[in-house]
Amino acid sequence: MADDSGSIVMGSIWMVVLSILLFWLPVFGPLLAGFVGGKSAGGIGGGIMAVFLPAIVMVLLAVFLVPLIPVASIPVIGALLATIF
């Protein structure tokens, strides 16, 4: 019998990293990232939780940190991000 214990956090990290690295593969990049992250998370249930963990973290960061940004600095932040991306 296989050991299905895994780490949801490591599954999330694998999914995020592989999604970033394989963005240029339209279908197979996210498919591979989900497969590897789900295996690392320990199965279907852990994989599903690992998918939503980064999204929940980003939403919480946005909700709590965006109000702290002064309105006058938003164009500066946009210009910096435009030069990076």
PDB file of N, CA and C in Angstrom:
ATOM      1  N   MET A   1       0.838  -1.187   0.000  1.00  0.00           N
ATOM      2  CA  MET A   1       0.000   0.000   0.000  1.00  0.00           C
ATOM      3  C   MET A   1       0.879   1.244   0.000  1.00  0.00           C
ATOM      4  N   ALA A   2       0.523   2.221  -0.777  1.00  0.00           N
ATOM      5  CA  ALA A   2       1.320   3.440  -0.886  1.00  0.00           C
ATOM      6  C   ALA A   2       1.036   4.367   0.286  1.00  0.00           C
ATOM      7  N   ASP A   3       2.053   5.080   0.679  1.00  0.00           N
ATOM      8  CA  ASP A   3       1.910   6.070   1.737  1.00  0.00           C
ATOM      9  C   ASP A   3       1.383   7.357   1.120  1.00  0.00           C
ATOM     10  N   ASP A   4       0.170   7.775   1.505  1.00  0.00           N
ATOM     11  CA  ASP A   4      -0.459   8.950   0.908  1.00  0.00           C
ATOM     12  C   ASP A   4      -0.239  10.216   1.718  1.00  0.00           C
ATOM     13  N   SER A   5       0.672  10.169   2.699  1.00  0.00           N
ATOM     14  CA  SER A   5       0.916  11.383   3.460  1.00  0.00           C
ATOM     15  C   SER A   5       1.772  12.322   2.627  1.00  0.00           C
ATOM     16  N   GLY A   6       1.416  13.561   2.624  1.00  0.00           N
ATOM     17  CA  GLY A   6       2.143  14.565   1.857  1.00  0.00           C
ATOM     18  C   GLY A   6       2.000  15.905   2.523  1.00  0.00           C
ATOM     19  N   SER A   7       2.671  16.878   1.997  1.00  0.00           N
ATOM     20  CA  SER A   7       2.628  18.216   2.542  1.00  0.00           C
ATOM     21  C   SER A   7       1.854  19.125   1.594  1.00  0.00           C
ATOM     22  N   ILE A   8       0.795  19.704   2.100  1.00  0.00           N
ATOM     23  CA  ILE A   8      -0.018  20.608   1.287  1.00  0.00           C
ATOM     24  C   ILE A   8       0.768  21.860   0.936  1.00  0.00           C
ATOM     25  N   VAL A   9       1.575  22.328   1.861  1.00  0.00           N
ATOM     26  CA  VAL A   9       2.385  23.522   1.593  1.00  0.00           C
ATOM     27  C   VAL A   9       3.409  23.238   0.498  1.00  0.00           C
ATOM     28  N   MET A  10       4.064  22.080   0.559  1.00  0.00           N
ATOM     29  CA  MET A  10       5.032  21.735  -0.488  1.00  0.00           C
ATOM     30  C   MET A  10       4.323  21.539  -1.831  1.00  0.00           C
ATOM     31  N   GLY A  11       3.128  20.968  -1.798  1.00  0.00           N
ATOM     32  CA  GLY A  11       2.352  20.835  -3.029  1.00  0.00           C
ATOM     33  C   GLY A  11       2.036  22.189  -3.635  1.00  0.00           C
ATOM     34  N   SER A  12       1.682  23.143  -2.787  1.00  0.00           N
ATOM     35  CA  SER A  12       1.397  24.501  -3.268  1.00  0.00           C
ATOM     36  C   SER A  12       2.634  25.146  -3.856  1.00  0.00           C
ATOM     37  N   ILE A  13       3.764  24.956  -3.186  1.00  0.00           N
ATOM     38  CA  ILE A  13       5.005  25.543  -3.684  1.00  0.00           C
ATOM     39  C   ILE A  13       5.368  24.942  -5.035  1.00  0.00           C
ATOM     40  N   TRP A  14       5.250  23.619  -5.169  1.00  0.00           N
ATOM     41  CA  TRP A  14       5.526  22.965  -6.453  1.00  0.00           C
ATOM     42  C   TRP A  14       4.605  23.508  -7.543  1.00  0.00           C
ATOM     43  N   MET A  15       3.331  23.676  -7.230  1.00  0.00           N
ATOM     44  CA  MET A  15       2.382  24.160  -8.232  1.00  0.00           C
ATOM     45  C   MET A  15       2.719  25.574  -8.688  1.00  0.00           C
ATOM     46  N   VAL A  16       3.031  26.439  -7.751  1.00  0.00           N
ATOM     47  CA  VAL A  16       3.339  27.826  -8.101  1.00  0.00           C
ATOM     48  C   VAL A  16       4.627  27.902  -8.919  1.00  0.00           C
ATOM     49  N   VAL A  17       5.666  27.211  -8.463  1.00  0.00           N
ATOM     50  CA  VAL A  17       6.956  27.271  -9.155  1.00  0.00           C
ATOM     51  C   VAL A  17       6.848  26.684 -10.560  1.00  0.00           C
ATOM     52  N   LEU A  18       6.222  25.519 -10.687  1.00  0.00           N
ATOM     53  CA  LEU A  18       6.102  24.901 -12.002  1.00  0.00           C
ATOM     54  C   LEU A  18       5.183  25.698 -12.925  1.00  0.00           C
ATOM     55  N   SER A  19       4.162  26.320 -12.378  1.00  0.00           N
ATOM     56  CA  SER A  19       3.293  27.165 -13.206  1.00  0.00           C
ATOM     57  C   SER A  19       4.051  28.357 -13.758  1.00  0.00           C
ATOM     58  N   ILE A  20       4.914  28.930 -12.934  1.00  0.00           N
ATOM     59  CA  ILE A  20       5.714  30.064 -13.396  1.00  0.00           C
ATOM     60  C   ILE A  20       6.731  29.619 -14.442  1.00  0.00           C
ATOM     61  N   LEU A  21       7.377  28.485 -14.200  1.00  0.00           N
ATOM     62  CA  LEU A  21       8.407  28.022 -15.129  1.00  0.00           C
ATOM     63  C   LEU A  21       7.843  27.493 -16.445  1.00  0.00           C
ATOM     64  N   LEU A  22       6.634  26.926 -16.405  1.00  0.00           N
ATOM     65  CA  LEU A  22       6.057  26.305 -17.598  1.00  0.00           C
ATOM     66  C   LEU A  22       4.893  27.102 -18.179  1.00  0.00           C
ATOM     67  N   PHE A  23       4.892  28.421 -17.979  1.00  0.00           N
ATOM     68  CA  PHE A  23       3.798  29.251 -18.478  1.00  0.00           C
ATOM     69  C   PHE A  23       3.684  29.203 -19.995  1.00  0.00           C
ATOM     70  N   TRP A  24       4.765  28.904 -20.664  1.00  0.00           N
ATOM     71  CA  TRP A  24       4.802  28.922 -22.125  1.00  0.00           C
ATOM     72  C   TRP A  24       4.154  27.689 -22.745  1.00  0.00           C
ATOM     73  N   LEU A  25       3.770  26.700 -21.947  1.00  0.00           N
ATOM     74  CA  LEU A  25       3.036  25.535 -22.450  1.00  0.00           C
ATOM     75  C   LEU A  25       1.561  25.725 -22.092  1.00  0.00           C
ATOM     76  N   PRO A  26       0.715  26.104 -23.029  1.00  0.00           N
ATOM     77  CA  PRO A  26      -0.655  26.502 -22.708  1.00  0.00           C
ATOM     78  C   PRO A  26      -1.472  25.459 -21.927  1.00  0.00           C
ATOM     79  N   VAL A  27      -1.441  24.227 -22.305  1.00  0.00           N
ATOM     80  CA  VAL A  27      -2.260  23.221 -21.628  1.00  0.00           C
ATOM     81  C   VAL A  27      -1.417  22.352 -20.710  1.00  0.00           C
ATOM     82  N   PHE A  28      -0.252  21.961 -21.191  1.00  0.00           N
ATOM     83  CA  PHE A  28       0.535  20.979 -20.472  1.00  0.00           C
ATOM     84  C   PHE A  28       1.288  21.554 -19.273  1.00  0.00           C
ATOM     85  N   GLY A  29       1.565  22.854 -19.271  1.00  0.00           N
ATOM     86  CA  GLY A  29       2.239  23.481 -18.136  1.00  0.00           C
ATOM     87  C   GLY A  29       1.408  23.397 -16.860  1.00  0.00           C
ATOM     88  N   PRO A  30       0.177  23.921 -16.872  1.00  0.00           N
ATOM     89  CA  PRO A  30      -0.665  23.803 -15.682  1.00  0.00           C
ATOM     90  C   PRO A  30      -1.029  22.354 -15.354  1.00  0.00           C
ATOM     91  N   LEU A  31      -1.182  21.522 -16.385  1.00  0.00           N
ATOM     92  CA  LEU A  31      -1.495  20.112 -16.148  1.00  0.00           C
ATOM     93  C   LEU A  31      -0.353  19.434 -15.407  1.00  0.00           C
ATOM     94  N   LEU A  32       0.867  19.669 -15.845  1.00  0.00           N
ATOM     95  CA  LEU A  32       2.025  19.081 -15.191  1.00  0.00           C
ATOM     96  C   LEU A  32       2.205  19.650 -13.785  1.00  0.00           C
ATOM     97  N   ALA A  33       2.011  20.945 -13.628  1.00  0.00           N
ATOM     98  CA  ALA A  33       2.129  21.567 -12.304  1.00  0.00           C
ATOM     99  C   ALA A  33       1.089  20.993 -11.342  1.00  0.00           C
ATOM    100  N   GLY A  34      -0.132  20.813 -11.809  1.00  0.00           N
ATOM    101  CA  GLY A  34      -1.167  20.232 -10.963  1.00  0.00           C
ATOM    102  C   GLY A  34      -0.896  18.789 -10.609  1.00  0.00           C
ATOM    103  N   PHE A  35      -0.375  18.029 -11.565  1.00  0.00           N
ATOM    104  CA  PHE A  35      -0.065  16.626 -11.310  1.00  0.00           C
ATOM    105  C   PHE A  35       1.047  16.489 -10.269  1.00  0.00           C
ATOM    106  N   VAL A  36       2.139  17.226 -10.460  1.00  0.00           N
ATOM    107  CA  VAL A  36       3.266  17.146  -9.523  1.00  0.00           C
ATOM    108  C   VAL A  36       2.873  17.686  -8.156  1.00  0.00           C
ATOM    109  N   GLY A  37       2.164  18.812  -8.128  1.00  0.00           N
ATOM    110  CA  GLY A  37       1.728  19.374  -6.847  1.00  0.00           C
ATOM    111  C   GLY A  37       0.744  18.483  -6.127  1.00  0.00           C
ATOM    112  N   GLY A  38      -0.159  17.846  -6.871  1.00  0.00           N
ATOM    113  CA  GLY A  38      -1.116  16.932  -6.251  1.00  0.00           C
ATOM    114  C   GLY A  38      -0.441  15.703  -5.676  1.00  0.00           C
ATOM    115  N   LYS A  39       0.541  15.171  -6.408  1.00  0.00           N
ATOM    116  CA  LYS A  39       1.301  14.027  -5.884  1.00  0.00           C
ATOM    117  C   LYS A  39       2.074  14.420  -4.631  1.00  0.00           C
ATOM    118  N   SER A  40       2.656  15.614  -4.650  1.00  0.00           N
ATOM    119  CA  SER A  40       3.420  16.086  -3.506  1.00  0.00           C
ATOM    120  C   SER A  40       2.518  16.371  -2.310  1.00  0.00           C
ATOM    121  N   ALA A  41       1.282  16.779  -2.579  1.00  0.00           N
ATOM    122  CA  ALA A  41       0.351  17.085  -1.498  1.00  0.00           C
ATOM    123  C   ALA A  41      -0.269  15.832  -0.895  1.00  0.00           C
ATOM    124  N   GLY A  42      -0.135  14.702  -1.561  1.00  0.00           N
ATOM    125  CA  GLY A  42      -0.591  13.466  -0.946  1.00  0.00           C
ATOM    126  C   GLY A  42      -1.840  12.871  -1.542  1.00  0.00           C
ATOM    127  N   GLY A  43      -2.382  13.406  -2.594  1.00  0.00           N
ATOM    128  CA  GLY A  43      -3.564  12.822  -3.209  1.00  0.00           C
ATOM    129  C   GLY A  43      -4.527  13.884  -3.691  1.00  0.00           C
ATOM    130  N   ILE A  44      -5.741  13.436  -3.978  1.00  0.00           N
ATOM    131  CA  ILE A  44      -6.737  14.339  -4.562  1.00  0.00           C
ATOM    132  C   ILE A  44      -7.157  15.431  -3.586  1.00  0.00           C
ATOM    133  N   GLY A  45      -7.492  15.053  -2.378  1.00  0.00           N
ATOM    134  CA  GLY A  45      -7.932  16.044  -1.390  1.00  0.00           C
ATOM    135  C   GLY A  45      -6.847  17.050  -1.064  1.00  0.00           C
ATOM    136  N   GLY A  46      -5.644  16.550  -0.834  1.00  0.00           N
ATOM    137  CA  GLY A  46      -4.517  17.441  -0.559  1.00  0.00           C
ATOM    138  C   GLY A  46      -4.178  18.312  -1.753  1.00  0.00           C
ATOM    139  N   GLY A  47      -4.313  17.743  -2.965  1.00  0.00           N
ATOM    140  CA  GLY A  47      -4.044  18.511  -4.179  1.00  0.00           C
ATOM    141  C   GLY A  47      -5.023  19.658  -4.354  1.00  0.00           C
ATOM    142  N   ILE A  48      -6.287  19.392  -4.070  1.00  0.00           N
ATOM    143  CA  ILE A  48      -7.300  20.450  -4.177  1.00  0.00           C
ATOM    144  C   ILE A  48      -7.034  21.548  -3.155  1.00  0.00           C
ATOM    145  N   MET A  49      -6.662  21.152  -1.938  1.00  0.00           N
ATOM    146  CA  MET A  49      -6.331  22.161  -0.925  1.00  0.00           C
ATOM    147  C   MET A  49      -5.078  22.931  -1.315  1.00  0.00           C
ATOM    148  N   ALA A  50      -4.112  22.241  -1.942  1.00  0.00           N
ATOM    149  CA  ALA A  50      -2.871  22.895  -2.358  1.00  0.00           C
ATOM    150  C   ALA A  50      -3.104  23.891  -3.487  1.00  0.00           C
ATOM    151  N   VAL A  51      -4.129  23.668  -4.305  1.00  0.00           N
ATOM    152  CA  VAL A  51      -4.453  24.610  -5.384  1.00  0.00           C
ATOM    153  C   VAL A  51      -4.991  25.910  -4.809  1.00  0.00           C
ATOM    154  N   PHE A  52      -5.848  25.815  -3.821  1.00  0.00           N
ATOM    155  CA  PHE A  52      -6.499  27.009  -3.300  1.00  0.00           C
ATOM    156  C   PHE A  52      -5.675  27.752  -2.257  1.00  0.00           C
ATOM    157  N   LEU A  53      -4.664  27.118  -1.681  1.00  0.00           N
ATOM    158  CA  LEU A  53      -3.854  27.775  -0.661  1.00  0.00           C
ATOM    159  C   LEU A  53      -3.152  29.037  -1.182  1.00  0.00           C
ATOM    160  N   PRO A  54      -2.458  29.005  -2.328  1.00  0.00           N
ATOM    161  CA  PRO A  54      -1.835  30.254  -2.806  1.00  0.00           C
ATOM    162  C   PRO A  54      -2.855  31.340  -3.152  1.00  0.00           C
ATOM    163  N   ALA A  55      -4.003  30.942  -3.675  1.00  0.00           N
ATOM    164  CA  ALA A  55      -5.037  31.934  -4.010  1.00  0.00           C
ATOM    165  C   ALA A  55      -5.556  32.612  -2.741  1.00  0.00           C
ATOM    166  N   ILE A  56      -5.781  31.837  -1.701  1.00  0.00           N
ATOM    167  CA  ILE A  56      -6.272  32.401  -0.443  1.00  0.00           C
ATOM    168  C   ILE A  56      -5.234  33.327   0.170  1.00  0.00           C
ATOM    169  N   VAL A  57      -3.976  32.932   0.123  1.00  0.00           N
ATOM    170  CA  VAL A  57      -2.895  33.778   0.663  1.00  0.00           C
ATOM    171  C   VAL A  57      -2.818  35.099  -0.099  1.00  0.00           C
ATOM    172  N   MET A  58      -2.909  35.045  -1.427  1.00  0.00           N
ATOM    173  CA  MET A  58      -2.841  36.276  -2.220  1.00  0.00           C
ATOM    174  C   MET A  58      -4.029  37.197  -1.952  1.00  0.00           C
ATOM    175  N   VAL A  59      -5.211  36.628  -1.799  1.00  0.00           N
ATOM    176  CA  VAL A  59      -6.392  37.443  -1.501  1.00  0.00           C
ATOM    177  C   VAL A  59      -6.233  38.112  -0.136  1.00  0.00           C
ATOM    178  N   LEU A  60      -5.769  37.361   0.853  1.00  0.00           N
ATOM    179  CA  LEU A  60      -5.586  37.947   2.181  1.00  0.00           C
ATOM    180  C   LEU A  60      -4.521  39.045   2.167  1.00  0.00           C
ATOM    181  N   LEU A  61      -3.440  38.825   1.427  1.00  0.00           N
ATOM    182  CA  LEU A  61      -2.425  39.877   1.308  1.00  0.00           C
ATOM    183  C   LEU A  61      -2.992  41.119   0.635  1.00  0.00           C
ATOM    184  N   ALA A  62      -3.774  40.910  -0.402  1.00  0.00           N
ATOM    185  CA  ALA A  62      -4.367  42.052  -1.102  1.00  0.00           C
ATOM    186  C   ALA A  62      -5.343  42.807  -0.206  1.00  0.00           C
ATOM    187  N   VAL A  63      -6.146  42.080   0.529  1.00  0.00           N
ATOM    188  CA  VAL A  63      -7.154  42.723   1.381  1.00  0.00           C
ATOM    189  C   VAL A  63      -6.495  43.534   2.492  1.00  0.00           C
ATOM    190  N   PHE A  64      -5.418  43.003   3.069  1.00  0.00           N
ATOM    191  CA  PHE A  64      -4.819  43.685   4.207  1.00  0.00           C
ATOM    192  C   PHE A  64      -3.697  44.655   3.851  1.00  0.00           C
ATOM    193  N   LEU A  65      -3.022  44.462   2.720  1.00  0.00           N
ATOM    194  CA  LEU A  65      -1.894  45.328   2.396  1.00  0.00           C
ATOM    195  C   LEU A  65      -2.218  46.442   1.408  1.00  0.00           C
ATOM    196  N   VAL A  66      -3.160  46.243   0.517  1.00  0.00           N
ATOM    197  CA  VAL A  66      -3.490  47.275  -0.470  1.00  0.00           C
ATOM    198  C   VAL A  66      -4.002  48.557   0.191  1.00  0.00           C
ATOM    199  N   PRO A  67      -4.820  48.491   1.242  1.00  0.00           N
ATOM    200  CA  PRO A  67      -5.240  49.762   1.865  1.00  0.00           C
ATOM    201  C   PRO A  67      -4.090  50.544   2.496  1.00  0.00           C
ATOM    202  N   LEU A  68      -2.961  49.905   2.733  1.00  0.00           N
ATOM    203  CA  LEU A  68      -1.829  50.600   3.339  1.00  0.00           C
ATOM    204  C   LEU A  68      -1.017  51.397   2.331  1.00  0.00           C
ATOM    205  N   ILE A  69      -1.243  51.186   1.041  1.00  0.00           N
ATOM    206  CA  ILE A  69      -0.510  51.902  -0.003  1.00  0.00           C
ATOM    207  C   ILE A  69      -1.119  53.293  -0.174  1.00  0.00           C
ATOM    208  N   PRO A  70      -0.310  54.330  -0.052  1.00  0.00           N
ATOM    209  CA  PRO A  70      -0.850  55.680  -0.259  1.00  0.00           C
ATOM    210  C   PRO A  70      -1.302  55.864  -1.707  1.00  0.00           C
ATOM    211  N   VAL A  71      -2.377  56.598  -1.889  1.00  0.00           N
ATOM    212  CA  VAL A  71      -2.954  56.782  -3.219  1.00  0.00           C
ATOM    213  C   VAL A  71      -1.976  57.487  -4.149  1.00  0.00           C
ATOM    214  N   ALA A  72      -1.168  58.376  -3.631  1.00  0.00           N
ATOM    215  CA  ALA A  72      -0.234  59.121  -4.471  1.00  0.00           C
ATOM    216  C   ALA A  72       0.866  58.237  -5.042  1.00  0.00           C
ATOM    217  N   SER A  73       1.147  57.091  -4.407  1.00  0.00           N
ATOM    218  CA  SER A  73       2.245  56.248  -4.883  1.00  0.00           C
ATOM    219  C   SER A  73       1.783  55.190  -5.885  1.00  0.00           C
ATOM    220  N   ILE A  74       0.502  55.088  -6.152  1.00  0.00           N
ATOM    221  CA  ILE A  74       0.003  54.074  -7.083  1.00  0.00           C
ATOM    222  C   ILE A  74       0.551  54.273  -8.501  1.00  0.00           C
ATOM    223  N   PRO A  75       0.602  55.499  -9.054  1.00  0.00           N
ATOM    224  CA  PRO A  75       1.211  55.646 -10.386  1.00  0.00           C
ATOM    225  C   PRO A  75       2.692  55.269 -10.414  1.00  0.00           C
ATOM    226  N   VAL A  76       3.404  55.529  -9.335  1.00  0.00           N
ATOM    227  CA  VAL A  76       4.822  55.173  -9.269  1.00  0.00           C
ATOM    228  C   VAL A  76       4.975  53.662  -9.269  1.00  0.00           C
ATOM    229  N   ILE A  77       4.157  52.976  -8.492  1.00  0.00           N
ATOM    230  CA  ILE A  77       4.191  51.513  -8.444  1.00  0.00           C
ATOM    231  C   ILE A  77       3.842  50.943  -9.813  1.00  0.00           C
ATOM    232  N   GLY A  78       2.851  51.518 -10.476  1.00  0.00           N
ATOM    233  CA  GLY A  78       2.475  51.056 -11.815  1.00  0.00           C
ATOM    234  C   GLY A  78       3.591  51.243 -12.816  1.00  0.00           C
ATOM    235  N   ALA A  79       4.291  52.376 -12.736  1.00  0.00           N
ATOM    236  CA  ALA A  79       5.403  52.620 -13.665  1.00  0.00           C
ATOM    237  C   ALA A  79       6.550  51.646 -13.402  1.00  0.00           C
ATOM    238  N   LEU A  80       6.833  51.354 -12.141  1.00  0.00           N
ATOM    239  CA  LEU A  80       7.882  50.389 -11.823  1.00  0.00           C
ATOM    240  C   LEU A  80       7.513  48.997 -12.317  1.00  0.00           C
ATOM    241  N   LEU A  81       6.272  48.603 -12.110  1.00  0.00           N
ATOM    242  CA  LEU A  81       5.845  47.276 -12.565  1.00  0.00           C
ATOM    243  C   LEU A  81       5.844  47.199 -14.096  1.00  0.00           C
ATOM    244  N   ALA A  82       5.537  48.298 -14.754  1.00  0.00           N
ATOM    245  CA  ALA A  82       5.548  48.306 -16.219  1.00  0.00           C
ATOM    246  C   ALA A  82       6.960  48.137 -16.773  1.00  0.00           C
ATOM    247  N   THR A  83       7.947  48.672 -16.068  1.00  0.00           N
ATOM    248  CA  THR A  83       9.315  48.489 -16.540  1.00  0.00           C
ATOM    249  C   THR A  83       9.826  47.075 -16.281  1.00  0.00           C
ATOM    250  N   ILE A  84       9.320  46.436 -15.252  1.00  0.00           N
ATOM    251  CA  ILE A  84       9.745  45.070 -14.932  1.00  0.00           C
ATOM    252  C   ILE A  84       9.094  44.066 -15.869  1.00  0.00           C
ATOM    253  N   PHE A  85       7.816  44.215 -16.087  1.00  0.00           N
ATOM    254  CA  PHE A  85       7.096  43.232 -16.879  1.00  0.00           C
ATOM    255  C   PHE A  85       6.919  43.736 -18.291  1.00  0.00           C
TER     256      PHE A  85
END
